[in-house]
Amino acid sequence: MSTEANKAVQRRLVEEFVNKGNTTVAADLVAEDHVGLDPAHEPLLGREGLIANIARMRAAFPDLEWTIEDQVAEGDKVACSIVWRGTHQGVFLGVAPTGKRVTVTCMAIDSIEAGKCKETRFLMDSMSLMRQLGAIPAPGQTS
């Protein structure tokens, strides 16, 4: 597939699967044996693991919206810078709902094979998220 086609797969994943919560599109866009890698968490294994993870995010942030700020591709790899926003309405990463609106930056690198996302390497600014939720103090503040 072309790099433009691979970029389109990543955009559809964000727009249709993450933002709209359309899990049926995952069968078209995510390999059954998908692997999700994030240094802060255990690997997500399989398409169903990714679906469950996005469902947890959407349960905690029902108005979740990811925006791709920048996207580049080479070969079968597509990298993007993402900003996601949402209102914290459910437990997320062990933090009880706060009702706070958050803005979080992330980076993702997807490997695309035969039109499907085979692997995702994801890095989220968890420190900023935890500060916004009040789970940890900002620099210079006491807990």
N, C-alpha and C. Protein backbone atom coordinates (compact mmCIF):
# COMPACT_ATOMS: atom_id res chain seq x y z
N MET A 1 0.84 -1.19 0.00
CA MET A 1 0.00 0.00 0.00
C MET A 1 0.88 1.25 0.00
N SER A 2 0.34 2.32 -0.51
CA SER A 2 1.08 3.57 -0.53
C SER A 2 1.10 4.21 0.86
N THR A 3 2.03 5.13 1.06
CA THR A 3 2.07 5.83 2.36
C THR A 3 0.78 6.62 2.56
N GLU A 4 0.21 7.17 1.49
CA GLU A 4 -1.05 7.92 1.63
C GLU A 4 -2.19 7.00 2.07
N ALA A 5 -2.23 5.80 1.53
CA ALA A 5 -3.25 4.83 1.94
C ALA A 5 -3.05 4.43 3.40
N ASN A 6 -1.80 4.25 3.80
CA ASN A 6 -1.52 3.90 5.20
C ASN A 6 -1.93 5.03 6.13
N LYS A 7 -1.67 6.27 5.73
CA LYS A 7 -2.09 7.43 6.54
C LYS A 7 -3.61 7.47 6.66
N ALA A 8 -4.30 7.12 5.59
CA ALA A 8 -5.77 7.11 5.61
C ALA A 8 -6.29 6.07 6.61
N VAL A 9 -5.62 4.93 6.71
CA VAL A 9 -6.02 3.91 7.70
C VAL A 9 -5.92 4.50 9.10
N GLN A 10 -4.80 5.16 9.40
CA GLN A 10 -4.64 5.76 10.72
C GLN A 10 -5.69 6.83 11.00
N ARG A 11 -5.96 7.67 10.00
CA ARG A 11 -6.99 8.72 10.18
C ARG A 11 -8.36 8.11 10.44
N ARG A 12 -8.71 7.05 9.70
CA ARG A 12 -10.00 6.39 9.92
C ARG A 12 -10.08 5.77 11.31
N LEU A 13 -8.96 5.19 11.77
CA LEU A 13 -8.94 4.64 13.12
C LEU A 13 -9.29 5.72 14.14
N VAL A 14 -8.68 6.87 14.00
CA VAL A 14 -8.93 7.97 14.94
C VAL A 14 -10.35 8.49 14.78
N GLU A 15 -10.74 8.82 13.57
CA GLU A 15 -12.03 9.49 13.35
C GLU A 15 -13.23 8.58 13.59
N GLU A 16 -13.18 7.35 13.09
CA GLU A 16 -14.35 6.47 13.17
C GLU A 16 -14.35 5.58 14.40
N PHE A 17 -13.20 5.01 14.73
CA PHE A 17 -13.12 4.07 15.84
C PHE A 17 -13.01 4.79 17.18
N VAL A 18 -12.01 5.66 17.33
CA VAL A 18 -11.80 6.33 18.61
C VAL A 18 -12.86 7.40 18.85
N ASN A 19 -12.99 8.35 17.94
CA ASN A 19 -13.87 9.49 18.18
C ASN A 19 -15.36 9.15 18.15
N LYS A 20 -15.74 8.26 17.24
CA LYS A 20 -17.17 7.92 17.13
C LYS A 20 -17.53 6.65 17.89
N GLY A 21 -16.53 5.91 18.35
CA GLY A 21 -16.79 4.68 19.09
C GLY A 21 -17.33 3.56 18.23
N ASN A 22 -17.10 3.62 16.93
CA ASN A 22 -17.59 2.62 16.00
C ASN A 22 -16.66 1.40 16.03
N THR A 23 -16.99 0.43 16.87
CA THR A 23 -16.12 -0.74 17.02
C THR A 23 -16.19 -1.68 15.82
N THR A 24 -17.26 -1.63 15.03
CA THR A 24 -17.35 -2.53 13.88
C THR A 24 -16.30 -2.19 12.83
N VAL A 25 -15.89 -0.93 12.75
CA VAL A 25 -14.86 -0.54 11.78
C VAL A 25 -13.50 -1.14 12.14
N ALA A 26 -13.33 -1.54 13.39
CA ALA A 26 -12.07 -2.14 13.81
C ALA A 26 -11.75 -3.41 13.03
N ALA A 27 -12.76 -4.17 12.65
CA ALA A 27 -12.53 -5.39 11.86
C ALA A 27 -11.91 -5.06 10.51
N ASP A 28 -12.24 -3.89 9.96
CA ASP A 28 -11.70 -3.48 8.67
C ASP A 28 -10.32 -2.84 8.79
N LEU A 29 -9.99 -2.28 9.95
CA LEU A 29 -8.80 -1.45 10.09
C LEU A 29 -7.72 -2.00 11.01
N VAL A 30 -8.04 -3.00 11.83
CA VAL A 30 -7.09 -3.50 12.82
C VAL A 30 -6.90 -5.00 12.62
N ALA A 31 -5.64 -5.43 12.54
CA ALA A 31 -5.34 -6.85 12.40
C ALA A 31 -5.82 -7.61 13.64
N GLU A 32 -6.27 -8.82 13.42
CA GLU A 32 -6.77 -9.64 14.53
C GLU A 32 -5.70 -9.85 15.60
N ASP A 33 -4.43 -9.95 15.15
CA ASP A 33 -3.32 -10.18 16.08
C ASP A 33 -2.55 -8.88 16.39
N HIS A 34 -3.26 -7.77 16.36
CA HIS A 34 -2.67 -6.46 16.65
C HIS A 34 -1.95 -6.48 18.01
N VAL A 35 -0.86 -5.73 18.08
CA VAL A 35 -0.13 -5.56 19.34
C VAL A 35 -0.04 -4.06 19.62
N GLY A 36 -0.46 -3.66 20.81
CA GLY A 36 -0.37 -2.27 21.24
C GLY A 36 0.70 -2.15 22.31
N LEU A 37 1.68 -1.29 22.06
CA LEU A 37 2.79 -1.12 22.99
C LEU A 37 2.80 0.29 23.55
N ASP A 38 2.82 0.39 24.87
CA ASP A 38 2.87 1.66 25.58
C ASP A 38 3.78 1.41 26.78
N PRO A 39 4.87 2.19 26.93
CA PRO A 39 5.81 1.90 28.01
C PRO A 39 5.20 2.00 29.41
N ALA A 40 4.06 2.65 29.55
CA ALA A 40 3.44 2.81 30.86
C ALA A 40 2.49 1.66 31.23
N HIS A 41 2.22 0.75 30.27
CA HIS A 41 1.23 -0.29 30.52
C HIS A 41 1.68 -1.61 29.92
N GLU A 42 0.99 -2.67 30.29
CA GLU A 42 1.22 -3.99 29.69
C GLU A 42 0.80 -3.93 28.23
N PRO A 43 1.41 -4.74 27.38
CA PRO A 43 1.00 -4.74 25.97
C PRO A 43 -0.48 -5.10 25.81
N LEU A 44 -1.12 -4.46 24.84
CA LEU A 44 -2.49 -4.81 24.47
C LEU A 44 -2.39 -5.84 23.36
N LEU A 45 -2.98 -6.98 23.57
CA LEU A 45 -2.86 -8.06 22.59
C LEU A 45 -4.18 -8.28 21.87
N GLY A 46 -4.09 -8.30 20.55
CA GLY A 46 -5.24 -8.60 19.71
C GLY A 46 -6.14 -7.40 19.48
N ARG A 47 -6.93 -7.52 18.41
CA ARG A 47 -7.91 -6.49 18.07
C ARG A 47 -8.85 -6.25 19.24
N GLU A 48 -9.28 -7.33 19.89
CA GLU A 48 -10.23 -7.19 21.01
C GLU A 48 -9.61 -6.43 22.18
N GLY A 49 -8.30 -6.57 22.38
CA GLY A 49 -7.62 -5.81 23.43
C GLY A 49 -7.66 -4.32 23.15
N LEU A 50 -7.46 -3.95 21.88
CA LEU A 50 -7.53 -2.54 21.50
C LEU A 50 -8.95 -2.01 21.64
N ILE A 51 -9.92 -2.79 21.21
CA ILE A 51 -11.33 -2.38 21.34
C ILE A 51 -11.67 -2.15 22.81
N ALA A 52 -11.25 -3.06 23.68
CA ALA A 52 -11.53 -2.93 25.12
C ALA A 52 -10.85 -1.69 25.70
N ASN A 53 -9.63 -1.40 25.26
CA ASN A 53 -8.91 -0.24 25.77
C ASN A 53 -9.60 1.06 25.37
N ILE A 54 -10.01 1.17 24.12
CA ILE A 54 -10.71 2.38 23.68
C ILE A 54 -12.06 2.48 24.38
N ALA A 55 -12.71 1.36 24.62
CA ALA A 55 -13.99 1.39 25.36
C ALA A 55 -13.78 1.92 26.77
N ARG A 56 -12.67 1.55 27.43
CA ARG A 56 -12.37 2.08 28.77
C ARG A 56 -12.15 3.59 28.72
N MET A 57 -11.43 4.04 27.70
CA MET A 57 -11.21 5.49 27.56
C MET A 57 -12.52 6.23 27.34
N ARG A 58 -13.36 5.67 26.48
CA ARG A 58 -14.64 6.33 26.16
C ARG A 58 -15.60 6.28 27.36
N ALA A 59 -15.49 5.26 28.20
CA ALA A 59 -16.32 5.20 29.41
C ALA A 59 -15.88 6.27 30.40
N ALA A 60 -14.58 6.51 30.49
CA ALA A 60 -14.06 7.51 31.41
C ALA A 60 -14.23 8.93 30.86
N PHE A 61 -14.16 9.06 29.54
CA PHE A 61 -14.27 10.36 28.87
C PHE A 61 -15.30 10.22 27.74
N PRO A 62 -16.59 10.27 28.05
CA PRO A 62 -17.62 10.03 27.04
C PRO A 62 -17.57 10.99 25.85
N ASP A 63 -17.04 12.18 26.05
CA ASP A 63 -16.92 13.15 24.96
C ASP A 63 -15.52 13.12 24.34
N LEU A 64 -14.83 12.02 24.50
CA LEU A 64 -13.47 11.87 24.00
C LEU A 64 -13.36 12.26 22.53
N GLU A 65 -12.35 13.08 22.24
CA GLU A 65 -12.08 13.45 20.85
C GLU A 65 -10.58 13.57 20.64
N TRP A 66 -10.08 12.78 19.71
CA TRP A 66 -8.68 12.85 19.33
C TRP A 66 -8.56 13.69 18.08
N THR A 67 -7.52 14.51 18.02
CA THR A 67 -7.22 15.31 16.84
C THR A 67 -5.79 15.01 16.40
N ILE A 68 -5.63 14.59 15.16
CA ILE A 68 -4.29 14.39 14.62
C ILE A 68 -3.74 15.76 14.24
N GLU A 69 -2.67 16.15 14.92
CA GLU A 69 -2.06 17.46 14.69
C GLU A 69 -1.04 17.39 13.55
N ASP A 70 -0.35 16.28 13.44
CA ASP A 70 0.67 16.12 12.42
C ASP A 70 0.77 14.63 12.11
N GLN A 71 1.10 14.30 10.86
CA GLN A 71 1.16 12.90 10.46
C GLN A 71 2.22 12.75 9.37
N VAL A 72 3.09 11.76 9.53
CA VAL A 72 4.12 11.46 8.53
C VAL A 72 4.16 9.95 8.33
N ALA A 73 4.58 9.56 7.13
CA ALA A 73 4.64 8.12 6.84
C ALA A 73 5.86 7.80 5.99
N GLU A 74 6.37 6.60 6.23
CA GLU A 74 7.44 6.06 5.41
C GLU A 74 7.28 4.56 5.41
N GLY A 75 7.24 3.98 4.24
CA GLY A 75 7.04 2.53 4.14
C GLY A 75 5.73 2.13 4.78
N ASP A 76 5.79 1.13 5.66
CA ASP A 76 4.57 0.65 6.32
C ASP A 76 4.31 1.35 7.66
N LYS A 77 5.09 2.35 8.01
CA LYS A 77 4.95 3.05 9.29
C LYS A 77 4.28 4.41 9.10
N VAL A 78 3.34 4.72 10.01
CA VAL A 78 2.69 6.02 10.04
C VAL A 78 2.81 6.55 11.46
N ALA A 79 3.38 7.74 11.58
CA ALA A 79 3.54 8.38 12.89
C ALA A 79 2.65 9.61 12.95
N CYS A 80 2.10 9.86 14.12
CA CYS A 80 1.30 11.07 14.27
C CYS A 80 1.43 11.63 15.68
N SER A 81 1.21 12.92 15.72
CA SER A 81 1.09 13.65 16.97
C SER A 81 -0.40 13.88 17.18
N ILE A 82 -0.88 13.51 18.35
CA ILE A 82 -2.30 13.59 18.66
C ILE A 82 -2.50 14.47 19.88
N VAL A 83 -3.58 15.23 19.88
CA VAL A 83 -4.05 15.90 21.08
C VAL A 83 -5.44 15.35 21.33
N TRP A 84 -5.64 14.82 22.54
CA TRP A 84 -7.00 14.37 22.85
C TRP A 84 -7.58 15.19 23.99
N ARG A 85 -8.88 15.35 23.91
CA ARG A 85 -9.62 16.14 24.89
C ARG A 85 -10.82 15.34 25.36
N GLY A 86 -11.22 15.58 26.59
CA GLY A 86 -12.40 14.93 27.11
C GLY A 86 -12.68 15.38 28.52
N THR A 87 -13.90 15.09 28.96
CA THR A 87 -14.33 15.42 30.32
C THR A 87 -14.34 14.14 31.13
N HIS A 88 -13.63 14.17 32.25
CA HIS A 88 -13.42 12.98 33.08
C HIS A 88 -14.69 12.62 33.84
N GLN A 89 -15.43 11.62 33.32
CA GLN A 89 -16.72 11.22 33.89
C GLN A 89 -16.70 9.82 34.52
N GLY A 90 -15.61 9.09 34.34
CA GLY A 90 -15.52 7.73 34.87
C GLY A 90 -14.11 7.45 35.32
N VAL A 91 -13.92 6.35 36.04
CA VAL A 91 -12.59 5.98 36.54
C VAL A 91 -11.64 5.79 35.37
N PHE A 92 -10.44 6.38 35.48
CA PHE A 92 -9.42 6.23 34.45
C PHE A 92 -8.07 6.17 35.13
N LEU A 93 -7.30 5.14 34.80
CA LEU A 93 -5.99 4.91 35.41
C LEU A 93 -6.05 5.01 36.93
N GLY A 94 -7.14 4.49 37.48
CA GLY A 94 -7.31 4.45 38.93
C GLY A 94 -7.81 5.74 39.56
N VAL A 95 -8.06 6.77 38.76
CA VAL A 95 -8.53 8.05 39.29
C VAL A 95 -10.05 8.14 39.15
N ALA A 96 -10.73 8.37 40.28
CA ALA A 96 -12.18 8.51 40.28
C ALA A 96 -12.60 9.72 39.46
N PRO A 97 -13.82 9.73 38.92
CA PRO A 97 -14.28 10.84 38.09
C PRO A 97 -14.14 12.19 38.80
N THR A 98 -13.64 13.17 38.07
CA THR A 98 -13.44 14.51 38.62
C THR A 98 -14.33 15.56 37.96
N GLY A 99 -14.88 15.24 36.79
CA GLY A 99 -15.65 16.22 36.04
C GLY A 99 -14.78 17.24 35.32
N LYS A 100 -13.46 17.09 35.42
CA LYS A 100 -12.55 18.06 34.80
C LYS A 100 -12.36 17.77 33.31
N ARG A 101 -12.24 18.83 32.56
CA ARG A 101 -11.93 18.73 31.13
C ARG A 101 -10.41 18.72 30.99
N VAL A 102 -9.90 17.77 30.19
CA VAL A 102 -8.45 17.63 30.04
C VAL A 102 -8.06 17.74 28.57
N THR A 103 -6.80 18.10 28.38
CA THR A 103 -6.18 18.14 27.06
C THR A 103 -4.84 17.42 27.19
N VAL A 104 -4.64 16.37 26.41
CA VAL A 104 -3.47 15.50 26.57
C VAL A 104 -2.79 15.29 25.22
N THR A 105 -1.46 15.40 25.21
CA THR A 105 -0.71 15.15 23.99
C THR A 105 -0.21 13.71 23.97
N CYS A 106 -0.12 13.17 22.75
CA CYS A 106 0.32 11.79 22.56
C CYS A 106 1.09 11.69 21.24
N MET A 107 1.83 10.61 21.14
CA MET A 107 2.49 10.24 19.89
C MET A 107 2.12 8.78 19.61
N ALA A 108 1.89 8.47 18.34
CA ALA A 108 1.60 7.10 17.96
C ALA A 108 2.35 6.76 16.69
N ILE A 109 2.87 5.54 16.64
CA ILE A 109 3.48 5.01 15.42
C ILE A 109 2.76 3.70 15.13
N ASP A 110 2.09 3.65 14.00
CA ASP A 110 1.37 2.45 13.59
C ASP A 110 2.10 1.76 12.45
N SER A 111 2.15 0.44 12.51
CA SER A 111 2.63 -0.37 11.39
C SER A 111 1.40 -0.90 10.67
N ILE A 112 1.33 -0.65 9.38
CA ILE A 112 0.17 -1.04 8.58
C ILE A 112 0.59 -2.18 7.65
N GLU A 113 -0.18 -3.27 7.69
CA GLU A 113 0.05 -4.40 6.79
C GLU A 113 -1.26 -4.74 6.10
N ALA A 114 -1.25 -4.78 4.80
CA ALA A 114 -2.43 -5.15 4.01
C ALA A 114 -3.66 -4.33 4.40
N GLY A 115 -3.44 -3.05 4.66
CA GLY A 115 -4.55 -2.15 4.96
C GLY A 115 -5.06 -2.20 6.38
N LYS A 116 -4.35 -2.92 7.27
CA LYS A 116 -4.79 -3.02 8.66
C LYS A 116 -3.63 -2.67 9.59
N CYS A 117 -3.99 -2.06 10.71
CA CYS A 117 -2.99 -1.70 11.72
C CYS A 117 -2.56 -2.98 12.44
N LYS A 118 -1.28 -3.30 12.33
CA LYS A 118 -0.73 -4.53 12.91
C LYS A 118 -0.11 -4.28 14.27
N GLU A 119 0.50 -3.08 14.43
CA GLU A 119 1.16 -2.74 15.69
C GLU A 119 1.04 -1.25 15.92
N THR A 120 0.85 -0.89 17.19
CA THR A 120 0.81 0.52 17.58
C THR A 120 1.79 0.73 18.73
N ARG A 121 2.63 1.72 18.56
CA ARG A 121 3.50 2.19 19.65
C ARG A 121 2.94 3.54 20.07
N PHE A 122 2.56 3.64 21.33
CA PHE A 122 1.81 4.80 21.80
C PHE A 122 2.50 5.39 23.02
N LEU A 123 2.59 6.70 23.06
CA LEU A 123 3.19 7.37 24.20
C LEU A 123 2.33 8.58 24.54
N MET A 124 1.71 8.54 25.72
CA MET A 124 0.82 9.60 26.18
C MET A 124 1.49 10.37 27.30
N ASP A 125 1.25 11.66 27.36
CA ASP A 125 1.78 12.49 28.44
C ASP A 125 0.93 12.26 29.70
N SER A 126 1.17 11.12 30.32
CA SER A 126 0.40 10.72 31.51
C SER A 126 0.62 11.67 32.69
N MET A 127 1.82 12.23 32.81
CA MET A 127 2.10 13.16 33.90
C MET A 127 1.18 14.38 33.81
N SER A 128 1.07 14.95 32.62
CA SER A 128 0.19 16.10 32.43
C SER A 128 -1.26 15.72 32.72
N LEU A 129 -1.69 14.56 32.26
CA LEU A 129 -3.05 14.11 32.53
C LEU A 129 -3.31 14.01 34.02
N MET A 130 -2.40 13.37 34.75
CA MET A 130 -2.59 13.21 36.19
C MET A 130 -2.61 14.56 36.91
N ARG A 131 -1.81 15.51 36.45
CA ARG A 131 -1.84 16.87 37.03
C ARG A 131 -3.18 17.53 36.77
N GLN A 132 -3.67 17.42 35.54
CA GLN A 132 -4.95 18.03 35.20
C GLN A 132 -6.11 17.44 36.01
N LEU A 133 -6.00 16.15 36.31
CA LEU A 133 -7.04 15.49 37.10
C LEU A 133 -6.89 15.74 38.60
N GLY A 134 -5.77 16.34 38.98
CA GLY A 134 -5.53 16.61 40.40
C GLY A 134 -5.00 15.41 41.15
N ALA A 135 -4.59 14.37 40.42
CA ALA A 135 -4.09 13.15 41.07
C ALA A 135 -2.67 13.34 41.59
N ILE A 136 -1.92 14.24 40.98
CA ILE A 136 -0.58 14.59 41.46
C ILE A 136 -0.44 16.10 41.39
N PRO A 137 0.36 16.68 42.28
CA PRO A 137 0.49 18.15 42.27
C PRO A 137 1.35 18.63 41.10
N ALA A 138 1.06 19.83 40.67
CA ALA A 138 1.89 20.49 39.66
C ALA A 138 3.21 20.88 40.31
N PRO A 139 4.26 21.11 39.53
CA PRO A 139 5.54 21.53 40.10
C PRO A 139 5.36 22.78 40.97
N GLY A 140 5.99 22.76 42.13
CA GLY A 140 5.90 23.89 43.04
C GLY A 140 4.72 23.87 43.99
N GLN A 141 3.79 22.93 43.75
CA GLN A 141 2.65 22.81 44.65
C GLN A 141 2.91 21.67 45.63
N THR A 142 2.32 21.77 46.80
CA THR A 142 2.40 20.66 47.76
C THR A 142 1.15 19.83 47.66
N SER A 143 1.25 18.57 48.00
CA SER A 143 0.09 17.69 47.88
C SER A 143 -0.90 17.84 48.98
